[in-house]
Structure formats: C-alpha cells, structure tokens
Amino acid sequence: MAQFVSSLRFRLIVLVLIAVIPAFGVILHSASRHRELTADQAQRNALGAARAIAAEQERFIENAHQFLIMLSKIPQVRDNNKAACSKILAGLLEPLYADLIVVNPKGNLLCSALPAGNSLAKPAGLDRNRVVETGDFSIGRIRTIPSNGKTVVGLGYPVLDPPGLLRAAVVTALDLSWMTRITAANHLYPGATFTLMDNNGTVLLRYPNGGNWIGKSMFAQAPAEGMISQDTERTFESVGADGVPRLFAVSQFKSVMGGEKVYAGIDIPADLAFAEADRILLQNLITFALLSALTLVAAWLGADLVILRRIRELVTVTREVASGKLSARTQLPYGRSELGRMARAFDDLAEALEKRETQAQA
C-alpha cells in the first residue's frame, strides 16, 4: 500500500481528483442558487394565490353585507311577522348563506330560515352583540359547527327605526367552507394548501383535507420575528406543526373578524417545491460522477500507456547497462517530450560508455 501511495500513478490520480474539485463546487453553488430562485418563485406564486383568494372572499363578505342591508328593509322582517319572515328567509338560503335569522336587541330569536333547534347562527352570540354595540354591520368570529364540520362566520346588520333606534338585527352564518372551495380551487396548484389563520397562527380553516388542523397552531415554532408579524403580506419558510418543512405565503384580510386580524395563507411542502431543483442536482451529480470516473480510468490507463511504460523501459535498459551490457538501447521514439529527450540522453550516454570501453580494451 505504501508503495502504491508513493507511486507516480497514485500522484497522477490525486492530481486529477484535485482538478475536478472546482467543478464539484460549481455544481453545488449552482444548485444552491437554483434552490433559492425556486423558493423565491414558489413563494411569489403562493403569495399571489393567497392575495387573490383573500380578495375574492372579501367580495363575498361585501356581497353578504349588501344582502343583509336588503333584508333589513323587507317589511316582513321589520314588522316581526314570524311566519312570513321565516318563509322569506328560508327561500333566500343558498350554499353561501348557511342560515339566516332575525333577533331583537336582547338576543331573542324572532324568525329564522332553519328550525330553531337546527339554527347555525347564534341569536345571543358575538355576531348580535357587535351589531347592538356598534349599530352597524359587523363580522363575528370564525367558528366550526361540530354537527356538520362546516366553518362559518357570523355577519350581522341592524334593523333601525327612523329615529335610528335599534329594532332588531339580521344575522347570517356565512359558509366559509363552501366559499373556500369555490375560491381556492381556482388558485391552488397540486400540493398547495389554503389556510385561514388568526394572528397567532391558529388554524381556523384549512383546505383541502384540513379538519384535523382546526384550532391547532400551524407552526411547530414561531419565527423569531413573530408568527405572522404586523405585515399585511409576508413570505417565509418554517416547519409545520406536523414537522414538515413548508414554504408559506400569507395575506391579511381587510375585514376584521371577531375583532381580530385574519390571514389567508398558502403553504407548500418544501420537498415538493424543491423537487425539480433536487432532480436537476441529482442529475448533475450523477453526470459529474460518471465523467469523473471516466477521467480517472483515462488517467489510469493513460499514465500506463504514455508515461509508465516508457519509464519501465528506461529502468530495464538502465539495469542492463549497469550489468555491463553497454550495447543496450531504449528503443524509445525520440521527440521533443521530456521522456523522449531523456531516452535520447540515456542512449547517448550508453553509446559514449561503449566507445570508452572499446578504446580501453584497445
């Protein structure tokens, strides 16, 4: 082993390996840069999707606002005609509006679209309280209905008498689950997930297949500068509560729900986002390994054909001359290379020694 390590062939192999190290470094640097660009592009796309989904859902909320204004002006609603009011509300139910109710300022139910026992809107909940307190349109907290798994948010609007006295409040349970399916399906690409989060990163709604996340933190650990910070839009990379590294993009809703900020978030698993970059890196590394192996084989064989055979020939002839056979010659082709000049010099030396010995014998 020590003999091989000190051999010329080994040193040539080491030189070849040293020569290919910069190429390996270039591959790693290019892969790192490609990964950064991929992350930046993925986060930009995700932020655009989060912004678009938030804007579309804001439009749904504004439409619901106008809808409640219209309801507050219907005579059957204003006159507390329970039968007629309930009939009208029931006829106005659609996938967006999970329930419609009218309550008095004390929180007593006056009429509802669904039977009282099945109502999804809270007559005495935060939705009604905020209308009573503000005398204006209000948005309650986002909550999940245990019986059907729907995520809803309560919207309320006051029914006012001409002097501005609060007569009642029209409240609807806006179906966020349905609204999210409609809006997110048009903007999510494979592998991405949409999440509604509060300012602490708690999951309010997750689509698709996010029922187990409701009420839990989206993140395993908050970023150093704050979970969502005070920025209206932000992109970052973090580890989810399930331990999976993800790329995140969040956009804040303009509407405050239940007195708190709400964020629309898009997250992508890091391994999915970087799949193409990793594939290219692996392909480059395999190509590099194959080329390096071919280079080493070429160096191994080339060292034998171009250098080592000639050196062995010189060593053999040297031993013959040393043993007294002064007529021995290298038989190597002369040329301008170092080994060719060495062979010429050796043959000239052997010829001079042979002449001297002939002269000495004479």
Protein backbone atom coordinates (compact mmCIF):
# COMPACT_ATOMS: atom_id res chain seq x y z
CA MET A 1 0.00 0.00 0.00
CA ALA A 2 2.80 2.40 0.91
CA GLN A 3 4.50 1.63 -2.40
CA PHE A 4 1.30 2.41 -4.33
CA VAL A 5 0.75 5.66 -2.42
CA SER A 6 4.26 6.81 -3.30
CA SER A 7 3.92 5.75 -6.94
CA LEU A 8 3.65 8.13 -9.87
CA ARG A 9 0.30 6.63 -10.90
CA PHE A 10 -1.23 7.46 -7.49
CA ARG A 11 0.05 11.00 -7.66
CA LEU A 12 -1.44 11.46 -11.10
CA ILE A 13 -4.81 10.19 -9.82
CA VAL A 14 -4.63 12.64 -6.90
CA LEU A 15 -3.92 15.48 -9.32
CA VAL A 16 -6.96 14.52 -11.40
CA LEU A 17 -9.15 14.47 -8.28
CA ILE A 18 -7.87 17.88 -7.24
CA ALA A 19 -8.62 19.17 -10.73
CA VAL A 20 -12.29 18.06 -10.59
CA ILE A 21 -13.00 19.52 -7.12
CA PRO A 22 -13.73 23.03 -8.52
CA ALA A 23 -16.28 21.53 -10.91
CA PHE A 24 -17.99 19.85 -7.94
CA GLY A 25 -18.04 23.18 -6.12
CA VAL A 26 -19.59 24.90 -9.13
CA ILE A 27 -22.35 22.27 -9.24
CA LEU A 28 -23.16 22.75 -5.55
CA HIS A 29 -23.14 26.54 -5.86
CA SER A 30 -25.40 26.42 -8.91
CA ALA A 31 -27.76 24.05 -7.09
CA SER A 32 -27.91 26.36 -4.07
CA ARG A 33 -28.64 29.35 -6.28
CA HIS A 34 -31.27 27.40 -8.21
CA ARG A 35 -32.88 26.37 -4.92
CA GLU A 36 -33.04 29.99 -3.77
CA LEU A 37 -34.61 31.10 -7.04
CA THR A 38 -37.08 28.20 -6.88
CA ALA A 39 -38.09 29.12 -3.33
CA ASP A 40 -38.50 32.77 -4.29
CA GLN A 41 -40.65 31.93 -7.32
CA ALA A 42 -42.77 29.43 -5.39
CA GLN A 43 -43.38 31.95 -2.61
CA ARG A 44 -44.24 34.68 -5.11
CA ASN A 45 -46.77 32.39 -6.77
CA ALA A 46 -48.18 31.35 -3.41
CA LEU A 47 -48.47 34.97 -2.27
CA GLY A 48 -50.30 35.86 -5.47
CA ALA A 49 -52.72 32.97 -4.87
CA ALA A 50 -53.25 33.95 -1.20
CA ARG A 51 -53.86 37.57 -2.21
CA ALA A 52 -56.35 36.54 -4.90
CA ILE A 53 -58.25 34.16 -2.58
CA ALA A 54 -58.42 36.78 0.17
CA ALA A 55 -59.72 39.38 -2.32
CA GLU A 56 -62.40 37.02 -3.65
CA GLN A 57 -63.56 36.11 -0.15
CA GLU A 58 -63.66 39.81 0.74
CA ARG A 59 -66.02 40.28 -2.22
CA PHE A 60 -68.27 37.52 -0.88
CA ILE A 61 -68.34 39.28 2.50
CA GLU A 62 -69.17 42.61 0.89
CA ASN A 63 -71.94 40.98 -1.16
CA ALA A 64 -73.29 39.49 2.07
CA HIS A 65 -73.18 42.97 3.59
CA GLN A 66 -75.33 44.34 0.77
CA PHE A 67 -77.62 41.33 1.05
CA LEU A 68 -78.21 41.99 4.77
CA ILE A 69 -78.94 45.65 4.03
CA MET A 70 -81.59 44.50 1.57
CA LEU A 71 -83.06 42.06 4.13
CA SER A 72 -83.27 44.76 6.78
CA LYS A 73 -85.62 46.74 4.54
CA ILE A 74 -88.10 43.92 3.82
CA PRO A 75 -91.44 44.69 5.58
CA GLN A 76 -91.98 41.13 6.83
CA VAL A 77 -88.57 41.31 8.54
CA ARG A 78 -89.17 44.77 10.02
CA ASP A 79 -92.70 44.00 11.23
CA ASN A 80 -91.70 40.89 13.20
CA ASN A 81 -94.12 38.71 11.23
CA LYS A 82 -92.58 35.43 12.32
CA ALA A 83 -94.28 33.11 9.83
CA ALA A 84 -93.83 35.37 6.82
CA CYS A 85 -90.30 36.34 7.88
CA SER A 86 -89.21 32.70 8.32
CA LYS A 87 -90.67 31.80 4.95
CA ILE A 88 -88.80 34.60 3.20
CA LEU A 89 -85.53 33.74 4.95
CA ALA A 90 -85.89 30.06 4.11
CA GLY A 91 -86.39 30.94 0.45
CA LEU A 92 -83.21 33.00 0.44
CA LEU A 93 -80.94 30.26 1.76
CA GLU A 94 -78.20 29.17 -0.63
CA PRO A 95 -74.80 27.47 -0.29
CA LEU A 96 -73.15 30.74 0.73
CA TYR A 97 -75.69 31.51 3.46
CA ALA A 98 -75.86 28.52 5.81
CA ASP A 99 -78.52 30.20 7.93
CA LEU A 100 -80.44 33.49 8.30
CA ILE A 101 -82.07 34.76 11.48
CA VAL A 102 -83.59 37.91 12.92
CA VAL A 103 -83.12 38.68 16.62
CA ASN A 104 -84.22 41.51 18.87
CA PRO A 105 -81.70 43.64 20.80
CA LYS A 106 -81.95 41.32 23.81
CA GLY A 107 -80.92 38.31 21.74
CA ASN A 108 -84.36 36.68 21.46
CA LEU A 109 -84.98 34.86 18.19
CA LEU A 110 -87.75 36.47 16.12
CA CYS A 111 -87.56 34.33 12.97
CA SER A 112 -85.12 32.02 11.23
CA ALA A 113 -84.60 30.23 7.94
CA LEU A 114 -83.89 26.92 9.68
CA PRO A 115 -85.85 25.41 12.53
CA ALA A 116 -84.83 26.99 15.83
CA GLY A 117 -83.20 23.78 17.07
CA ASN A 118 -81.07 23.49 13.93
CA SER A 119 -80.04 27.12 13.59
CA LEU A 120 -76.37 27.71 12.71
CA ALA A 121 -76.42 31.41 13.58
CA LYS A 122 -76.17 32.41 17.24
CA PRO A 123 -79.06 34.65 18.38
CA ALA A 124 -77.23 35.76 21.51
CA GLY A 125 -73.70 35.36 20.23
CA LEU A 126 -70.92 37.77 19.42
CA ASP A 127 -72.44 38.46 15.99
CA ARG A 128 -75.57 40.02 17.52
CA ASN A 129 -73.66 41.71 20.33
CA ARG A 130 -71.39 43.61 17.97
CA VAL A 131 -74.39 44.84 15.96
CA VAL A 132 -76.05 46.06 19.15
CA GLU A 133 -72.86 47.76 20.33
CA THR A 134 -71.93 49.42 17.04
CA GLY A 135 -75.33 49.87 15.43
CA ASP A 136 -73.69 48.94 12.14
CA PHE A 137 -72.57 45.99 10.04
CA SER A 138 -70.29 43.66 11.98
CA ILE A 139 -68.40 40.42 11.47
CA GLY A 140 -68.18 37.87 14.26
CA ARG A 141 -65.63 35.16 14.99
CA ILE A 142 -64.91 32.26 12.67
CA ARG A 143 -66.16 29.01 14.20
CA THR A 144 -66.68 25.38 13.22
CA ILE A 145 -70.06 23.65 13.54
CA PRO A 146 -69.40 20.26 15.24
CA SER A 147 -72.54 18.63 13.82
CA ASN A 148 -71.57 19.04 10.15
CA GLY A 149 -67.95 20.22 10.23
CA LYS A 150 -68.74 23.45 8.41
CA THR A 151 -66.71 26.54 9.19
CA VAL A 152 -68.87 29.65 9.32
CA VAL A 153 -68.58 33.31 10.25
CA GLY A 154 -71.48 35.35 11.55
CA LEU A 155 -72.39 38.61 9.82
CA GLY A 156 -74.94 40.99 11.30
CA TYR A 157 -76.69 44.18 10.24
CA PRO A 158 -79.08 46.34 12.28
CA VAL A 159 -82.77 46.87 11.55
CA LEU A 160 -83.27 50.50 12.57
CA ASP A 161 -86.37 52.58 13.19
CA PRO A 162 -86.42 56.03 11.52
CA PRO A 163 -85.03 57.85 14.60
CA GLY A 164 -82.07 55.47 14.49
CA LEU A 165 -83.28 53.16 17.27
CA LEU A 166 -82.26 49.52 17.02
CA ARG A 167 -85.34 47.38 16.44
CA ALA A 168 -83.62 44.08 15.54
CA ALA A 169 -80.59 42.58 13.87
CA VAL A 170 -80.38 40.42 10.75
CA VAL A 171 -77.69 37.78 11.20
CA THR A 172 -76.36 35.23 8.71
CA ALA A 173 -73.94 32.34 9.09
CA LEU A 174 -71.65 32.70 6.07
CA ASP A 175 -70.41 29.28 4.98
CA LEU A 176 -66.64 29.73 4.74
CA SER A 177 -66.14 26.05 3.86
CA TRP A 178 -68.21 26.42 0.70
CA MET A 179 -66.73 29.83 -0.06
CA THR A 180 -63.20 28.44 0.27
CA ARG A 181 -63.90 25.53 -2.06
CA ILE A 182 -65.15 27.97 -4.69
CA THR A 183 -62.28 30.46 -4.37
CA ALA A 184 -59.32 28.25 -3.51
CA ALA A 185 -59.99 25.62 -6.18
CA ASN A 186 -59.29 28.21 -8.89
CA HIS A 187 -55.92 29.27 -7.47
CA LEU A 188 -54.36 26.27 -5.74
CA TYR A 189 -51.92 24.13 -7.69
CA PRO A 190 -51.16 20.48 -6.84
CA GLY A 191 -49.62 20.01 -3.41
CA ALA A 192 -50.51 23.50 -2.11
CA THR A 193 -52.90 24.05 0.79
CA PHE A 194 -55.01 27.05 1.76
CA THR A 195 -55.35 28.03 5.43
CA LEU A 196 -57.25 30.70 7.32
CA MET A 197 -55.21 31.70 10.39
CA ASP A 198 -55.52 34.21 13.18
CA ASN A 199 -52.68 36.48 14.26
CA ASN A 200 -51.20 33.71 16.43
CA GLY A 201 -51.06 31.21 13.59
CA THR A 202 -54.02 29.17 14.88
CA VAL A 203 -55.83 27.34 12.09
CA LEU A 204 -59.42 28.46 11.56
CA LEU A 205 -59.98 26.68 8.26
CA ARG A 206 -57.76 24.50 6.08
CA TYR A 207 -58.45 23.29 2.54
CA PRO A 208 -58.26 20.62 1.33
CA ASN A 209 -58.36 17.87 3.98
CA GLY A 210 -57.54 20.01 6.98
CA GLY A 211 -60.20 19.03 9.51
CA ASN A 212 -57.63 17.75 12.00
CA TRP A 213 -55.83 21.10 11.98
CA ILE A 214 -58.75 23.23 13.21
CA GLY A 215 -57.89 25.01 16.44
CA LYS A 216 -54.23 23.98 16.34
CA SER A 217 -51.16 26.05 15.62
CA MET A 218 -49.99 25.92 12.03
CA PHE A 219 -46.34 26.12 13.07
CA ALA A 220 -44.11 23.95 15.21
CA GLN A 221 -42.37 27.09 16.40
CA ALA A 222 -42.98 30.75 15.70
CA PRO A 223 -40.37 32.52 13.55
CA ALA A 224 -38.01 34.72 15.52
CA GLU A 225 -39.62 37.92 14.24
CA GLY A 226 -43.14 36.83 15.18
CA MET A 227 -45.64 34.31 13.89
CA ILE A 228 -47.26 36.46 11.25
CA SER A 229 -45.84 39.80 12.40
CA GLN A 230 -47.75 43.00 11.65
CA ASP A 231 -47.17 42.78 7.90
CA THR A 232 -50.22 42.59 5.68
CA GLU A 233 -48.32 40.26 3.33
CA ARG A 234 -45.37 38.04 4.03
CA THR A 235 -43.47 35.01 2.75
CA PHE A 236 -41.24 32.78 4.86
CA GLU A 237 -40.08 29.20 5.38
CA SER A 238 -41.00 27.36 8.56
CA VAL A 239 -41.71 23.91 9.97
CA GLY A 240 -45.37 22.98 10.31
CA ALA A 241 -46.86 21.51 13.46
CA ASP A 242 -46.59 18.09 11.79
CA GLY A 243 -42.81 18.51 11.47
CA VAL A 244 -42.88 19.04 7.69
CA PRO A 245 -40.81 21.99 6.38
CA ARG A 246 -43.00 24.26 4.27
CA LEU A 247 -42.87 27.46 2.26
CA PHE A 248 -45.52 29.93 3.42
CA ALA A 249 -47.17 33.00 1.94
CA VAL A 250 -49.82 34.91 3.89
CA SER A 251 -52.06 37.84 3.02
CA GLN A 252 -54.15 39.70 5.57
CA PHE A 253 -57.89 40.17 5.14
CA LYS A 254 -59.03 43.77 5.09
CA SER A 255 -62.04 42.81 7.18
CA VAL A 256 -61.52 42.26 10.90
CA MET A 257 -63.40 39.16 12.09
CA GLY A 258 -64.47 38.99 15.70
CA GLY A 259 -62.21 41.92 16.48
CA GLU A 260 -59.10 40.04 15.29
CA LYS A 261 -56.99 40.02 12.17
CA VAL A 262 -57.36 37.04 9.88
CA TYR A 263 -54.84 35.84 7.32
CA ALA A 264 -55.20 33.81 4.13
CA GLY A 265 -52.21 31.52 3.84
CA ILE A 266 -50.83 29.22 1.15
CA ASP A 267 -48.25 26.62 2.13
CA ILE A 268 -46.26 24.17 0.03
CA PRO A 269 -44.18 21.25 1.39
CA ALA A 270 -40.52 22.06 0.84
CA ASP A 271 -39.74 18.67 -0.71
CA LEU A 272 -42.46 19.27 -3.30
CA ALA A 273 -41.37 22.85 -4.01
CA PHE A 274 -37.75 21.80 -4.46
CA ALA A 275 -38.46 18.52 -6.26
CA GLU A 276 -37.36 19.85 -9.66
CA ALA A 277 -34.25 21.55 -8.22
CA ASP A 278 -33.31 18.35 -6.38
CA ARG A 279 -33.86 16.30 -9.53
CA ILE A 280 -31.55 18.58 -11.53
CA LEU A 281 -28.93 18.47 -8.75
CA LEU A 282 -29.06 14.67 -8.64
CA GLN A 283 -28.79 14.51 -12.43
CA ASN A 284 -25.78 16.84 -12.39
CA LEU A 285 -24.10 14.87 -9.61
CA ILE A 286 -24.60 11.58 -11.46
CA THR A 287 -23.21 13.12 -14.65
CA PHE A 288 -20.29 14.56 -12.69
CA ALA A 289 -19.61 11.19 -11.05
CA LEU A 290 -19.65 9.37 -14.39
CA LEU A 291 -17.37 11.90 -16.05
CA SER A 292 -15.02 11.84 -13.07
CA ALA A 293 -14.91 8.05 -13.18
CA LEU A 294 -14.14 8.13 -16.91
CA THR A 295 -11.43 10.73 -16.27
CA LEU A 296 -9.86 8.56 -13.56
CA VAL A 297 -9.93 5.50 -15.81
CA ALA A 298 -8.39 7.54 -18.62
CA ALA A 299 -5.74 8.85 -16.23
CA TRP A 300 -5.03 5.31 -15.00
CA LEU A 301 -4.68 3.84 -18.49
CA GLY A 302 -3.07 6.93 -19.98
CA ALA A 303 -0.44 7.03 -17.26
CA ASP A 304 0.46 3.45 -18.14
CA LEU A 305 0.50 3.96 -21.91
CA VAL A 306 2.13 7.37 -22.10
CA ILE A 307 4.44 7.50 -19.08
CA LEU A 308 4.86 4.34 -17.02
CA ARG A 309 5.72 2.01 -19.93
CA ARG A 310 8.48 4.35 -21.09
CA ILE A 311 9.79 4.74 -17.57
CA ARG A 312 9.82 0.95 -17.14
CA GLU A 313 11.71 0.66 -20.43
CA LEU A 314 14.27 3.18 -19.22
CA VAL A 315 14.64 1.32 -15.92
CA THR A 316 15.14 -2.02 -17.73
CA VAL A 317 17.79 -0.62 -20.07
CA THR A 318 19.48 1.13 -17.14
CA ARG A 319 19.81 -2.17 -15.32
CA GLU A 320 21.21 -3.83 -18.46
CA VAL A 321 23.83 -1.11 -18.83
CA ALA A 322 24.63 -1.33 -15.12
CA SER A 323 25.19 -5.09 -15.52
CA GLY A 324 27.76 -4.45 -18.27
CA LYS A 325 25.67 -4.68 -21.41
CA LEU A 326 26.69 -1.32 -22.86
CA SER A 327 25.10 -2.06 -26.22
CA ALA A 328 21.61 -1.88 -24.72
CA ARG A 329 19.42 0.92 -26.04
CA THR A 330 15.97 2.18 -25.02
CA GLN A 331 14.33 1.73 -28.42
CA LEU A 332 12.02 4.58 -27.48
CA PRO A 333 10.97 7.14 -30.07
CA TYR A 334 12.82 10.39 -29.68
CA GLY A 335 10.85 13.59 -29.69
CA ARG A 336 10.50 16.91 -28.01
CA SER A 337 8.82 15.46 -24.92
CA GLU A 338 10.72 15.13 -21.65
CA LEU A 339 10.74 11.33 -21.82
CA GLY A 340 11.89 11.43 -25.45
CA ARG A 341 14.82 13.73 -24.58
CA MET A 342 15.61 11.55 -21.56
CA ALA A 343 15.69 8.45 -23.77
CA ARG A 344 17.99 10.22 -26.27
CA ALA A 345 20.29 11.39 -23.46
CA PHE A 346 20.45 7.90 -21.99
CA ASP A 347 21.20 6.27 -25.35
CA ASP A 348 23.92 8.87 -25.98
CA LEU A 349 25.39 8.09 -22.56
CA ALA A 350 25.32 4.34 -23.21
CA GLU A 351 26.94 4.86 -26.61
CA ALA A 352 29.70 7.02 -25.09
CA LEU A 353 30.36 4.41 -22.40
CA GLU A 354 30.52 1.68 -25.02
CA LYS A 355 33.09 3.68 -27.06
CA ARG A 356 35.23 4.31 -23.99
CA GLU A 357 35.18 0.64 -23.10
CA THR A 358 36.23 -0.27 -26.66
CA GLN A 359 39.03 2.24 -26.53
CA ALA A 360 40.10 0.99 -23.14
CA GLN A 361 40.21 -2.60 -24.40
CA ALA A 362 42.22 -1.47 -27.43
